[in-house]
Amino acid sequence: PFGHGLSYTQFKYTDLKVEALNNNNFVCSYRVTNTGKQAGDEISQCYISFKDHKKSDPYKKLQGFDKTLIEPGETKEIQIKIESKSFKTWNISKHNWVIEKGVYEILIGASSEDIRLRDEIIL
């Protein structure tokens, strides 16, 4: 399917860290290692998911991505920022964008269907 990419090499994802900055802004750091024998571009993606999401809300929302050329055996550290507005959803009764309190899952992967790392934050 579209967005799942083909590659002549393989990549391993490790060491996810989610750091709180200020005002519900975060930065996700993780490592991607080329475990194959060819250099290759890897497009890693960051999604957020509200654990108690309503049916009208998307299950996963793409928050950012990074395309990186990685040589065989090389490891690169990737960082993707998540801004506070990424957590907002429209509240019909308040007629405003709000951040629902609760547990959010941070998902890192090669596609929306190929999640390699996950962590949780509480807002």
PDB file of N, CA and C in Angstrom:
ATOM      1  N   PRO A   1       0.807  -1.200   0.000  1.00  0.00           N
ATOM      2  CA  PRO A   1       0.000   0.000   0.000  1.00  0.00           C
ATOM      3  C   PRO A   1       0.851   1.266   0.000  1.00  0.00           C
ATOM      4  N   PHE A   2       0.261   2.356  -0.422  1.00  0.00           N
ATOM      5  CA  PHE A   2       0.960   3.636  -0.472  1.00  0.00           C
ATOM      6  C   PHE A   2       1.469   4.019   0.914  1.00  0.00           C
ATOM      7  N   GLY A   3       2.682   4.568   0.949  1.00  0.00           N
ATOM      8  CA  GLY A   3       3.246   5.039   2.210  1.00  0.00           C
ATOM      9  C   GLY A   3       3.994   3.985   2.987  1.00  0.00           C
ATOM     10  N   HIS A   4       4.044   2.774   2.463  1.00  0.00           N
ATOM     11  CA  HIS A   4       4.737   1.716   3.182  1.00  0.00           C
ATOM     12  C   HIS A   4       6.142   1.495   2.635  1.00  0.00           C
ATOM     13  N   GLY A   5       6.508   2.158   1.553  1.00  0.00           N
ATOM     14  CA  GLY A   5       7.868   2.189   1.039  1.00  0.00           C
ATOM     15  C   GLY A   5       8.531   0.847   0.833  1.00  0.00           C
ATOM     16  N   LEU A   6       9.384   0.801  -0.139  1.00  0.00           N
ATOM     17  CA  LEU A   6      10.213  -0.368  -0.392  1.00  0.00           C
ATOM     18  C   LEU A   6      11.655   0.060  -0.216  1.00  0.00           C
ATOM     19  N   SER A   7      12.490  -0.855   0.252  1.00  0.00           N
ATOM     20  CA  SER A   7      13.884  -0.520   0.490  1.00  0.00           C
ATOM     21  C   SER A   7      14.749  -1.728   0.185  1.00  0.00           C
ATOM     22  N   TYR A   8      16.004  -1.449  -0.149  1.00  0.00           N
ATOM     23  CA  TYR A   8      16.961  -2.522  -0.378  1.00  0.00           C
ATOM     24  C   TYR A   8      17.712  -2.868   0.898  1.00  0.00           C
ATOM     25  N   THR A   9      17.305  -2.296   2.003  1.00  0.00           N
ATOM     26  CA  THR A   9      17.972  -2.546   3.279  1.00  0.00           C
ATOM     27  C   THR A   9      16.935  -2.612   4.391  1.00  0.00           C
ATOM     28  N   GLN A  10      17.397  -2.817   5.624  1.00  0.00           N
ATOM     29  CA  GLN A  10      16.488  -2.931   6.765  1.00  0.00           C
ATOM     30  C   GLN A  10      16.933  -1.977   7.861  1.00  0.00           C
ATOM     31  N   PHE A  11      15.964  -1.557   8.668  1.00  0.00           N
ATOM     32  CA  PHE A  11      16.242  -0.592   9.722  1.00  0.00           C
ATOM     33  C   PHE A  11      15.688  -1.081  11.049  1.00  0.00           C
ATOM     34  N   LYS A  12      16.429  -0.773  12.111  1.00  0.00           N
ATOM     35  CA  LYS A  12      16.011  -1.112  13.473  1.00  0.00           C
ATOM     36  C   LYS A  12      15.834   0.186  14.252  1.00  0.00           C
ATOM     37  N   TYR A  13      14.728   0.296  14.986  1.00  0.00           N
ATOM     38  CA  TYR A  13      14.410   1.474  15.789  1.00  0.00           C
ATOM     39  C   TYR A  13      14.634   1.140  17.268  1.00  0.00           C
ATOM     40  N   THR A  14      15.279   2.052  18.014  1.00  0.00           N
ATOM     41  CA  THR A  14      15.527   1.831  19.442  1.00  0.00           C
ATOM     42  C   THR A  14      15.504   3.151  20.206  1.00  0.00           C
ATOM     43  N   ASP A  15      15.500   3.033  21.527  1.00  0.00           N
ATOM     44  CA  ASP A  15      15.780   4.128  22.471  1.00  0.00           C
ATOM     45  C   ASP A  15      14.847   5.334  22.355  1.00  0.00           C
ATOM     46  N   LEU A  16      13.550   5.104  22.337  1.00  0.00           N
ATOM     47  CA  LEU A  16      12.606   6.227  22.308  1.00  0.00           C
ATOM     48  C   LEU A  16      12.615   6.957  23.645  1.00  0.00           C
ATOM     49  N   LYS A  17      12.762   8.272  23.570  1.00  0.00           N
ATOM     50  CA  LYS A  17      12.660   9.144  24.740  1.00  0.00           C
ATOM     51  C   LYS A  17      11.714  10.284  24.372  1.00  0.00           C
ATOM     52  N   VAL A  18      10.750  10.542  25.233  1.00  0.00           N
ATOM     53  CA  VAL A  18       9.822  11.652  25.023  1.00  0.00           C
ATOM     54  C   VAL A  18      10.090  12.669  26.127  1.00  0.00           C
ATOM     55  N   GLU A  19      10.547  13.849  25.736  1.00  0.00           N
ATOM     56  CA  GLU A  19      10.922  14.884  26.699  1.00  0.00           C
ATOM     57  C   GLU A  19       9.900  16.016  26.673  1.00  0.00           C
ATOM     58  N   ALA A  20       9.389  16.355  27.857  1.00  0.00           N
ATOM     59  CA  ALA A  20       8.469  17.488  27.979  1.00  0.00           C
ATOM     60  C   ALA A  20       9.274  18.776  27.920  1.00  0.00           C
ATOM     61  N   LEU A  21       8.816  19.716  27.116  1.00  0.00           N
ATOM     62  CA  LEU A  21       9.468  21.017  27.031  1.00  0.00           C
ATOM     63  C   LEU A  21       8.696  21.985  27.917  1.00  0.00           C
ATOM     64  N   ASN A  22       7.764  22.741  27.367  1.00  0.00           N
ATOM     65  CA  ASN A  22       6.916  23.635  28.155  1.00  0.00           C
ATOM     66  C   ASN A  22       5.547  23.719  27.497  1.00  0.00           C
ATOM     67  N   ASN A  23       4.538  24.054  28.271  1.00  0.00           N
ATOM     68  CA  ASN A  23       3.180  24.267  27.745  1.00  0.00           C
ATOM     69  C   ASN A  23       2.675  23.130  26.860  1.00  0.00           C
ATOM     70  N   ASN A  24       2.883  21.893  27.303  1.00  0.00           N
ATOM     71  CA  ASN A  24       2.445  20.695  26.569  1.00  0.00           C
ATOM     72  C   ASN A  24       3.112  20.533  25.213  1.00  0.00           C
ATOM     73  N   ASN A  25       4.331  21.033  25.070  1.00  0.00           N
ATOM     74  CA  ASN A  25       5.163  20.763  23.893  1.00  0.00           C
ATOM     75  C   ASN A  25       6.154  19.669  24.271  1.00  0.00           C
ATOM     76  N   PHE A  26       6.466  18.802  23.308  1.00  0.00           N
ATOM     77  CA  PHE A  26       7.351  17.673  23.568  1.00  0.00           C
ATOM     78  C   PHE A  26       8.325  17.506  22.410  1.00  0.00           C
ATOM     79  N   VAL A  27       9.418  16.780  22.679  1.00  0.00           N
ATOM     80  CA  VAL A  27      10.318  16.360  21.614  1.00  0.00           C
ATOM     81  C   VAL A  27      10.558  14.859  21.797  1.00  0.00           C
ATOM     82  N   CYS A  28      10.433  14.124  20.698  1.00  0.00           N
ATOM     83  CA  CYS A  28      10.678  12.685  20.689  1.00  0.00           C
ATOM     84  C   CYS A  28      12.054  12.444  20.082  1.00  0.00           C
ATOM     85  N   SER A  29      12.880  11.669  20.773  1.00  0.00           N
ATOM     86  CA  SER A  29      14.197  11.291  20.262  1.00  0.00           C
ATOM     87  C   SER A  29      14.248   9.776  20.188  1.00  0.00           C
ATOM     88  N   TYR A  30      14.841   9.262  19.137  1.00  0.00           N
ATOM     89  CA  TYR A  30      15.002   7.818  18.988  1.00  0.00           C
ATOM     90  C   TYR A  30      16.133   7.557  18.006  1.00  0.00           C
ATOM     91  N   ARG A  31      16.589   6.309  17.978  1.00  0.00           N
ATOM     92  CA  ARG A  31      17.698   5.937  17.100  1.00  0.00           C
ATOM     93  C   ARG A  31      17.191   4.996  16.010  1.00  0.00           C
ATOM     94  N   VAL A  32      17.740   5.183  14.818  1.00  0.00           N
ATOM     95  CA  VAL A  32      17.446   4.288  13.701  1.00  0.00           C
ATOM     96  C   VAL A  32      18.783   3.761  13.189  1.00  0.00           C
ATOM     97  N   THR A  33      18.909   2.436  13.124  1.00  0.00           N
ATOM     98  CA  THR A  33      20.135   1.781  12.672  1.00  0.00           C
ATOM     99  C   THR A  33      19.862   1.038  11.375  1.00  0.00           C
ATOM    100  N   ASN A  34      20.746   1.209  10.407  1.00  0.00           N
ATOM    101  CA  ASN A  34      20.673   0.448   9.160  1.00  0.00           C
ATOM    102  C   ASN A  34      21.339  -0.897   9.428  1.00  0.00           C
ATOM    103  N   THR A  35      20.547  -1.962   9.494  1.00  0.00           N
ATOM    104  CA  THR A  35      21.063  -3.300   9.787  1.00  0.00           C
ATOM    105  C   THR A  35      21.334  -4.103   8.518  1.00  0.00           C
ATOM    106  N   GLY A  36      21.138  -3.485   7.368  1.00  0.00           N
ATOM    107  CA  GLY A  36      21.356  -4.166   6.099  1.00  0.00           C
ATOM    108  C   GLY A  36      22.739  -3.910   5.524  1.00  0.00           C
ATOM    109  N   LYS A  37      22.908  -4.266   4.249  1.00  0.00           N
ATOM    110  CA  LYS A  37      24.205  -4.146   3.579  1.00  0.00           C
ATOM    111  C   LYS A  37      24.263  -3.016   2.570  1.00  0.00           C
ATOM    112  N   GLN A  38      23.171  -2.276   2.427  1.00  0.00           N
ATOM    113  CA  GLN A  38      23.104  -1.162   1.479  1.00  0.00           C
ATOM    114  C   GLN A  38      22.739   0.117   2.225  1.00  0.00           C
ATOM    115  N   ALA A  39      23.220   1.235   1.720  1.00  0.00           N
ATOM    116  CA  ALA A  39      22.763   2.525   2.247  1.00  0.00           C
ATOM    117  C   ALA A  39      21.296   2.693   1.862  1.00  0.00           C
ATOM    118  N   GLY A  40      20.565   3.418   2.676  1.00  0.00           N
ATOM    119  CA  GLY A  40      19.159   3.623   2.351  1.00  0.00           C
ATOM    120  C   GLY A  40      18.563   4.799   3.085  1.00  0.00           C
ATOM    121  N   ASP A  41      17.518   5.360   2.492  1.00  0.00           N
ATOM    122  CA  ASP A  41      16.743   6.418   3.134  1.00  0.00           C
ATOM    123  C   ASP A  41      15.636   5.771   3.949  1.00  0.00           C
ATOM    124  N   GLU A  42      15.498   6.198   5.183  1.00  0.00           N
ATOM    125  CA  GLU A  42      14.383   5.737   6.002  1.00  0.00           C
ATOM    126  C   GLU A  42      13.521   6.940   6.348  1.00  0.00           C
ATOM    127  N   ILE A  43      12.226   6.793   6.127  1.00  0.00           N
ATOM    128  CA  ILE A  43      11.272   7.835   6.497  1.00  0.00           C
ATOM    129  C   ILE A  43      10.555   7.347   7.748  1.00  0.00           C
ATOM    130  N   SER A  44      10.977   7.869   8.897  1.00  0.00           N
ATOM    131  CA  SER A  44      10.342   7.488  10.157  1.00  0.00           C
ATOM    132  C   SER A  44       9.238   8.491  10.468  1.00  0.00           C
ATOM    133  N   GLN A  45       8.186   7.995  11.102  1.00  0.00           N
ATOM    134  CA  GLN A  45       6.985   8.798  11.322  1.00  0.00           C
ATOM    135  C   GLN A  45       6.590   8.784  12.793  1.00  0.00           C
ATOM    136  N   CYS A  46       6.042   9.903  13.256  1.00  0.00           N
ATOM    137  CA  CYS A  46       5.583  10.043  14.637  1.00  0.00           C
ATOM    138  C   CYS A  46       4.076  10.292  14.639  1.00  0.00           C
ATOM    139  N   TYR A  47       3.362   9.487  15.413  1.00  0.00           N
ATOM    140  CA  TYR A  47       1.911   9.611  15.557  1.00  0.00           C
ATOM    141  C   TYR A  47       1.571   9.801  17.029  1.00  0.00           C
ATOM    142  N   ILE A  48       0.422  10.438  17.295  1.00  0.00           N
ATOM    143  CA  ILE A  48      -0.118  10.444  18.651  1.00  0.00           C
ATOM    144  C   ILE A  48      -1.509   9.827  18.615  1.00  0.00           C
ATOM    145  N   SER A  49      -1.857   9.209  19.735  1.00  0.00           N
ATOM    146  CA  SER A  49      -3.162   8.570  19.859  1.00  0.00           C
ATOM    147  C   SER A  49      -3.672   8.795  21.277  1.00  0.00           C
ATOM    148  N   PHE A  50      -4.893   9.328  21.405  1.00  0.00           N
ATOM    149  CA  PHE A  50      -5.514   9.518  22.716  1.00  0.00           C
ATOM    150  C   PHE A  50      -6.134   8.192  23.114  1.00  0.00           C
ATOM    151  N   LYS A  51      -5.721   7.657  24.259  1.00  0.00           N
ATOM    152  CA  LYS A  51      -6.163   6.321  24.670  1.00  0.00           C
ATOM    153  C   LYS A  51      -7.682   6.212  24.804  1.00  0.00           C
ATOM    154  N   ASP A  52      -8.342   7.292  25.222  1.00  0.00           N
ATOM    155  CA  ASP A  52      -9.801   7.273  25.401  1.00  0.00           C
ATOM    156  C   ASP A  52     -10.499   8.026  24.275  1.00  0.00           C
ATOM    157  N   HIS A  53     -10.006   7.864  23.056  1.00  0.00           N
ATOM    158  CA  HIS A  53     -10.550   8.646  21.937  1.00  0.00           C
ATOM    159  C   HIS A  53     -12.016   8.296  21.662  1.00  0.00           C
ATOM    160  N   LYS A  54     -12.716   9.295  21.164  1.00  0.00           N
ATOM    161  CA  LYS A  54     -14.114   9.102  20.770  1.00  0.00           C
ATOM    162  C   LYS A  54     -14.130   8.589  19.333  1.00  0.00           C
ATOM    163  N   LYS A  55     -15.213   7.981  18.949  1.00  0.00           N
ATOM    164  CA  LYS A  55     -15.310   7.452  17.589  1.00  0.00           C
ATOM    165  C   LYS A  55     -15.170   8.537  16.535  1.00  0.00           C
ATOM    166  N   SER A  56     -15.536   9.763  16.879  1.00  0.00           N
ATOM    167  CA  SER A  56     -15.449  10.856  15.907  1.00  0.00           C
ATOM    168  C   SER A  56     -14.016  11.375  15.740  1.00  0.00           C
ATOM    169  N   ASP A  57     -13.143  11.038  16.673  1.00  0.00           N
ATOM    170  CA  ASP A  57     -11.743  11.469  16.589  1.00  0.00           C
ATOM    171  C   ASP A  57     -10.916  10.423  15.856  1.00  0.00           C
ATOM    172  N   PRO A  58      -9.858  10.858  15.166  1.00  0.00           N
ATOM    173  CA  PRO A  58      -8.987   9.872  14.520  1.00  0.00           C
ATOM    174  C   PRO A  58      -8.252   9.038  15.568  1.00  0.00           C
ATOM    175  N   TYR A  59      -8.041   7.761  15.261  1.00  0.00           N
ATOM    176  CA  TYR A  59      -7.328   6.880  16.187  1.00  0.00           C
ATOM    177  C   TYR A  59      -5.866   7.306  16.322  1.00  0.00           C
ATOM    178  N   LYS A  60      -5.216   7.598  15.190  1.00  0.00           N
ATOM    179  CA  LYS A  60      -3.823   8.054  15.172  1.00  0.00           C
ATOM    180  C   LYS A  60      -3.755   9.319  14.346  1.00  0.00           C
ATOM    181  N   LYS A  61      -2.916  10.265  14.807  1.00  0.00           N
ATOM    182  CA  LYS A  61      -2.697  11.484  14.028  1.00  0.00           C
ATOM    183  C   LYS A  61      -1.203  11.609  13.746  1.00  0.00           C
ATOM    184  N   LEU A  62      -0.863  11.783  12.470  1.00  0.00           N
ATOM    185  CA  LEU A  62       0.533  11.992  12.092  1.00  0.00           C
ATOM    186  C   LEU A  62       0.986  13.348  12.613  1.00  0.00           C
ATOM    187  N   GLN A  63       2.086  13.361  13.354  1.00  0.00           N
ATOM    188  CA  GLN A  63       2.594  14.604  13.935  1.00  0.00           C
ATOM    189  C   GLN A  63       3.872  15.088  13.280  1.00  0.00           C
ATOM    190  N   GLY A  64       4.578  14.205  12.636  1.00  0.00           N
ATOM    191  CA  GLY A  64       5.814  14.603  11.983  1.00  0.00           C
ATOM    192  C   GLY A  64       6.503  13.396  11.396  1.00  0.00           C
ATOM    193  N   PHE A  65       7.486  13.682  10.554  1.00  0.00           N
ATOM    194  CA  PHE A  65       8.265  12.603   9.962  1.00  0.00           C
ATOM    195  C   PHE A  65       9.661  13.119   9.661  1.00  0.00           C
ATOM    196  N   ASP A  66      10.574  12.187   9.419  1.00  0.00           N
ATOM    197  CA  ASP A  66      11.951  12.545   9.123  1.00  0.00           C
ATOM    198  C   ASP A  66      12.501  11.566   8.088  1.00  0.00           C
ATOM    199  N   LYS A  67      13.084  12.102   7.017  1.00  0.00           N
ATOM    200  CA  LYS A  67      13.724  11.271   5.997  1.00  0.00           C
ATOM    201  C   LYS A  67      15.232  11.401   6.173  1.00  0.00           C
ATOM    202  N   THR A  68      15.904  10.263   6.392  1.00  0.00           N
ATOM    203  CA  THR A  68      17.324  10.260   6.702  1.00  0.00           C
ATOM    204  C   THR A  68      18.042   9.189   5.897  1.00  0.00           C
ATOM    205  N   LEU A  69      19.156   9.562   5.268  1.00  0.00           N
ATOM    206  CA  LEU A  69      20.023   8.587   4.597  1.00  0.00           C
ATOM    207  C   LEU A  69      20.922   7.965   5.650  1.00  0.00           C
ATOM    208  N   ILE A  70      20.927   6.629   5.713  1.00  0.00           N
ATOM    209  CA  ILE A  70      21.724   5.924   6.718  1.00  0.00           C
ATOM    210  C   ILE A  70      22.575   4.868   6.011  1.00  0.00           C
ATOM    211  N   GLU A  71      23.865   4.909   6.263  1.00  0.00           N
ATOM    212  CA  GLU A  71      24.811   3.951   5.682  1.00  0.00           C
ATOM    213  C   GLU A  71      24.710   2.607   6.410  1.00  0.00           C
ATOM    214  N   PRO A  72      25.170   1.507   5.789  1.00  0.00           N
ATOM    215  CA  PRO A  72      25.123   0.196   6.449  1.00  0.00           C
ATOM    216  C   PRO A  72      25.859   0.228   7.793  1.00  0.00           C
ATOM    217  N   GLY A  73      25.227  -0.286   8.829  1.00  0.00           N
ATOM    218  CA  GLY A  73      25.829  -0.330  10.158  1.00  0.00           C
ATOM    219  C   GLY A  73      25.776   0.982  10.920  1.00  0.00           C
ATOM    220  N   GLU A  74      25.344   2.048  10.279  1.00  0.00           N
ATOM    221  CA  GLU A  74      25.307   3.364  10.916  1.00  0.00           C
ATOM    222  C   GLU A  74      24.011   3.540  11.711  1.00  0.00           C
ATOM    223  N   THR A  75      24.112   4.297  12.803  1.00  0.00           N
ATOM    224  CA  THR A  75      22.952   4.656  13.616  1.00  0.00           C
ATOM    225  C   THR A  75      22.825   6.168  13.630  1.00  0.00           C
ATOM    226  N   LYS A  76      21.607   6.652  13.428  1.00  0.00           N
ATOM    227  CA  LYS A  76      21.349   8.094  13.482  1.00  0.00           C
ATOM    228  C   LYS A  76      20.311   8.355  14.563  1.00  0.00           C
ATOM    229  N   GLU A  77      20.503   9.466  15.285  1.00  0.00           N
ATOM    230  CA  GLU A  77      19.494   9.891  16.255  1.00  0.00           C
ATOM    231  C   GLU A  77      18.552  10.863  15.566  1.00  0.00           C
ATOM    232  N   ILE A  78      17.271  10.607  15.713  1.00  0.00           N
ATOM    233  CA  ILE A  78      16.230  11.407  15.075  1.00  0.00           C
ATOM    234  C   ILE A  78      15.467  12.156  16.170  1.00  0.00           C
ATOM    235  N   GLN A  79      15.058  13.379  15.867  1.00  0.00           N
ATOM    236  CA  GLN A  79      14.217  14.146  16.784  1.00  0.00           C
ATOM    237  C   GLN A  79      13.020  14.704  16.017  1.00  0.00           C
ATOM    238  N   ILE A  80      11.851  14.547  16.612  1.00  0.00           N
ATOM    239  CA  ILE A  80      10.627  15.114  16.047  1.00  0.00           C
ATOM    240  C   ILE A  80       9.905  15.858  17.164  1.00  0.00           C
ATOM    241  N   LYS A  81       9.553  17.108  16.903  1.00  0.00           N
ATOM    242  CA  LYS A  81       8.841  17.918  17.900  1.00  0.00           C
ATOM    243  C   LYS A  81       7.336  17.700  17.773  1.00  0.00           C
ATOM    244  N   ILE A  82       6.671  17.707  18.918  1.00  0.00           N
ATOM    245  CA  ILE A  82       5.209  17.649  18.962  1.00  0.00           C
ATOM    246  C   ILE A  82       4.741  18.914  19.673  1.00  0.00           C
ATOM    247  N   GLU A  83       4.006  19.756  18.957  1.00  0.00           N
ATOM    248  CA  GLU A  83       3.503  20.999  19.538  1.00  0.00           C
ATOM    249  C   GLU A  83       2.189  20.748  20.275  1.00  0.00           C
ATOM    250  N   SER A  84       1.910  21.589  21.247  1.00  0.00           N
ATOM    251  CA  SER A  84       0.704  21.420  22.069  1.00  0.00           C
ATOM    252  C   SER A  84      -0.570  21.398  21.230  1.00  0.00           C
ATOM    253  N   LYS A  85      -0.602  22.156  20.131  1.00  0.00           N
ATOM    254  CA  LYS A  85      -1.816  22.187  19.298  1.00  0.00           C
ATOM    255  C   LYS A  85      -2.131  20.818  18.695  1.00  0.00           C
ATOM    256  N   SER A  86      -1.134  19.938  18.620  1.00  0.00           N
ATOM    257  CA  SER A  86      -1.350  18.591  18.084  1.00  0.00           C
ATOM    258  C   SER A  86      -2.290  17.769  18.954  1.00  0.00           C
ATOM    259  N   PHE A  87      -2.384  18.113  20.235  1.00  0.00           N
ATOM    260  CA  PHE A  87      -3.227  17.363  21.162  1.00  0.00           C
ATOM    261  C   PHE A  87      -4.659  17.897  21.225  1.00  0.00           C
ATOM    262  N   LYS A  88      -4.923  19.008  20.567  1.00  0.00           N
ATOM    263  CA  LYS A  88      -6.232  19.645  20.675  1.00  0.00           C
ATOM    264  C   LYS A  88      -7.272  18.984  19.771  1.00  0.00           C
ATOM    265  N   THR A  89      -8.488  18.903  20.302  1.00  0.00           N
ATOM    266  CA  THR A  89      -9.639  18.441  19.522  1.00  0.00           C
ATOM    267  C   THR A  89     -10.777  19.436  19.742  1.00  0.00           C
ATOM    268  N   TRP A  90     -11.705  19.449  18.803  1.00  0.00           N
ATOM    269  CA  TRP A  90     -12.828  20.385  18.897  1.00  0.00           C
ATOM    270  C   TRP A  90     -13.829  19.870  19.918  1.00  0.00           C
ATOM    271  N   ASN A  91     -14.167  20.706  20.895  1.00  0.00           N
ATOM    272  CA  ASN A  91     -15.160  20.375  21.903  1.00  0.00           C
ATOM    273  C   ASN A  91     -16.464  21.070  21.514  1.00  0.00           C
ATOM    274  N   ILE A  92     -17.466  20.283  21.166  1.00  0.00           N
ATOM    275  CA  ILE A  92     -18.732  20.826  20.670  1.00  0.00           C
ATOM    276  C   ILE A  92     -19.436  21.662  21.733  1.00  0.00           C
ATOM    277  N   SER A  93     -19.465  21.183  22.962  1.00  0.00           N
ATOM    278  CA  SER A  93     -20.190  21.922  24.005  1.00  0.00           C
ATOM    279  C   SER A  93     -19.493  23.225  24.392  1.00  0.00           C
ATOM    280  N   LYS A  94     -18.168  23.265  24.306  1.00  0.00           N
ATOM    281  CA  LYS A  94     -17.430  24.487  24.653  1.00  0.00           C
ATOM    282  C   LYS A  94     -17.193  25.390  23.447  1.00  0.00           C
ATOM    283  N   HIS A  95     -17.482  24.884  22.248  1.00  0.00           N
ATOM    284  CA  HIS A  95     -17.245  25.627  21.005  1.00  0.00           C
ATOM    285  C   HIS A  95     -15.807  26.144  20.934  1.00  0.00           C
ATOM    286  N   ASN A  96     -14.883  25.237  21.252  1.00  0.00           N
ATOM    287  CA  ASN A  96     -13.479  25.637  21.304  1.00  0.00           C
ATOM    288  C   ASN A  96     -12.577  24.409  21.156  1.00  0.00           C
ATOM    289  N   TRP A  97     -11.335  24.659  20.772  1.00  0.00           N
ATOM    290  CA  TRP A  97     -10.332  23.604  20.727  1.00  0.00           C
ATOM    291  C   TRP A  97      -9.806  23.390  22.141  1.00  0.00           C
ATOM    292  N   VAL A  98      -9.758  22.143  22.593  1.00  0.00           N
ATOM    293  CA  VAL A  98      -9.292  21.838  23.948  1.00  0.00           C
ATOM    294  C   VAL A  98      -8.349  20.634  23.915  1.00  0.00           C
ATOM    295  N   ILE A  99      -7.526  20.546  24.947  1.00  0.00           N
ATOM    296  CA  ILE A  99      -6.702  19.355  25.148  1.00  0.00           C
ATOM    297  C   ILE A  99      -7.415  18.499  26.185  1.00  0.00           C
ATOM    298  N   GLU A 100      -7.860  17.330  25.756  1.00  0.00           N
ATOM    299  CA  GLU A 100      -8.526  16.409  26.675  1.00  0.00           C
ATOM    300  C   GLU A 100      -7.486  15.862  27.647  1.00  0.00           C
ATOM    301  N   LYS A 101      -7.815  15.845  28.922  1.00  0.00           N
ATOM    302  CA  LYS A 101      -6.908  15.284  29.922  1.00  0.00           C
ATOM    303  C   LYS A 101      -6.953  13.768  29.824  1.00  0.00           C
ATOM    304  N   GLY A 102      -5.785  13.151  29.964  1.00  0.00           N
ATOM    305  CA  GLY A 102      -5.718  11.702  29.912  1.00  0.00           C
ATOM    306  C   GLY A 102      -4.388  11.208  29.383  1.00  0.00           C
ATOM    307  N   VAL A 103      -4.377   9.954  28.969  1.00  0.00           N
ATOM    308  CA  VAL A 103      -3.161   9.287  28.506  1.00  0.00           C
ATOM    309  C   VAL A 103      -3.097   9.347  26.982  1.00  0.00           C
ATOM    310  N   TYR A 104      -1.962   9.809  26.479  1.00  0.00           N
ATOM    311  CA  TYR A 104      -1.698   9.849  25.045  1.00  0.00           C
ATOM    312  C   TYR A 104      -0.559   8.887  24.745  1.00  0.00           C
ATOM    313  N   GLU A 105      -0.682   8.176  23.647  1.00  0.00           N
ATOM    314  CA  GLU A 105       0.368   7.266  23.223  1.00  0.00           C
ATOM    315  C   GLU A 105       1.171   7.930  22.110  1.00  0.00           C
ATOM    316  N   ILE A 106       2.490   7.882  22.236  1.00  0.00           N
ATOM    317  CA  ILE A 106       3.401   8.370  21.207  1.00  0.00           C
ATOM    318  C   ILE A 106       3.869   7.142  20.437  1.00  0.00           C
ATOM    319  N   LEU A 107       3.670   7.147  19.129  1.00  0.00           N
ATOM    320  CA  LEU A 107       3.972   5.994  18.277  1.00  0.00           C
ATOM    321  C   LEU A 107       5.003   6.401  17.230  1.00  0.00           C
ATOM    322  N   ILE A 108       6.064   5.613  17.098  1.00  0.00           N
ATOM    323  CA  ILE A 108       7.113   5.864  16.113  1.00  0.00           C
ATOM    324  C   ILE A 108       7.215   4.638  15.220  1.00  0.00           C
ATOM    325  N   GLY A 109       7.267   4.857  13.901  1.00  0.00           N
ATOM    326  CA  GLY A 109       7.379   3.713  13.009  1.00  0.00           C
ATOM    327  C   GLY A 109       7.725   4.088  11.595  1.00  0.00           C
ATOM    328  N   ALA A 110       7.790   3.062  10.762  1.00  0.00           N
ATOM    329  CA  ALA A 110       8.105   3.233   9.347  1.00  0.00           C
ATOM    330  C   ALA A 110       6.853   3.574   8.541  1.00  0.00           C
ATOM    331  N   SER A 111       5.678   3.334   9.120  1.00  0.00           N
ATOM    332  CA  SER A 111       4.398   3.692   8.508  1.00  0.00           C
ATOM    333  C   SER A 111       3.337   3.634   9.602  1.00  0.00           C
ATOM    334  N   SER A 112       2.123   3.999   9.265  1.00  0.00           N
ATOM    335  CA  SER A 112       1.046   3.962  10.261  1.00  0.00           C
ATOM    336  C   SER A 112       0.718   2.535  10.694  1.00  0.00           C
ATOM    337  N   GLU A 113       1.054   1.577   9.860  1.00  0.00           N
ATOM    338  CA  GLU A 113       0.792   0.170  10.166  1.00  0.00           C
ATOM    339  C   GLU A 113       2.020  -0.554  10.702  1.00  0.00           C
ATOM    340  N   ASP A 114       3.178   0.083  10.659  1.00  0.00           N
ATOM    341  CA  ASP A 114       4.433  -0.549  11.081  1.00  0.00           C
ATOM    342  C   ASP A 114       5.045   0.261  12.226  1.00  0.00           C
ATOM    343  N   ILE A 115       4.400   0.198  13.384  1.00  0.00           N
ATOM    344  CA  ILE A 115       4.851   0.936  14.565  1.00  0.00           C
ATOM    345  C   ILE A 115       5.945   0.124  15.253  1.00  0.00           C
ATOM    346  N   ARG A 116       7.104   0.770  15.477  1.00  0.00           N
ATOM    347  CA  ARG A 116       8.258   0.072  16.061  1.00  0.00           C
ATOM    348  C   ARG A 116       8.502   0.440  17.524  1.00  0.00           C
ATOM    349  N   LEU A 117       8.126   1.666  17.922  1.00  0.00           N
ATOM    350  CA  LEU A 117       8.364   2.137  19.292  1.00  0.00           C
ATOM    351  C   LEU A 117       7.111   2.836  19.804  1.00  0.00           C
ATOM    352  N   ARG A 118       6.880   2.766  21.110  1.00  0.00           N
ATOM    353  CA  ARG A 118       5.742   3.472  21.698  1.00  0.00           C
ATOM    354  C   ARG A 118       6.063   3.873  23.129  1.00  0.00           C
ATOM    355  N   ASP A 119       5.444   4.972  23.534  1.00  0.00           N
ATOM    356  CA  ASP A 119       5.572   5.472  24.900  1.00  0.00           C
ATOM    357  C   ASP A 119       4.261   6.177  25.243  1.00  0.00           C
ATOM    358  N   GLU A 120       4.058   6.478  26.507  1.00  0.00           N
ATOM    359  CA  GLU A 120       2.843   7.164  26.934  1.00  0.00           C
ATOM    360  C   GLU A 120       3.192   8.424  27.701  1.00  0.00           C
ATOM    361  N   ILE A 121       2.345   9.439  27.547  1.00  0.00           N
ATOM    362  CA  ILE A 121       2.448  10.656  28.340  1.00  0.00           C
ATOM    363  C   ILE A 121       1.064  10.953  28.902  1.00  0.00           C
ATOM    364  N   ILE A 122       1.033  11.662  30.010  1.00  0.00           N
ATOM    365  CA  ILE A 122      -0.239  12.034  30.634  1.00  0.00           C
ATOM    366  C   ILE A 122      -0.354  13.546  30.618  1.00  0.00           C
ATOM    367  N   LEU A 123      -1.455  14.034  30.068  1.00  0.00           N
ATOM    368  CA  LEU A 123      -1.712  15.477  30.044  1.00  0.00           C
ATOM    369  C   LEU A 123      -2.872  15.794  30.966  1.00  0.00           C
TER     370      LEU A 123
END
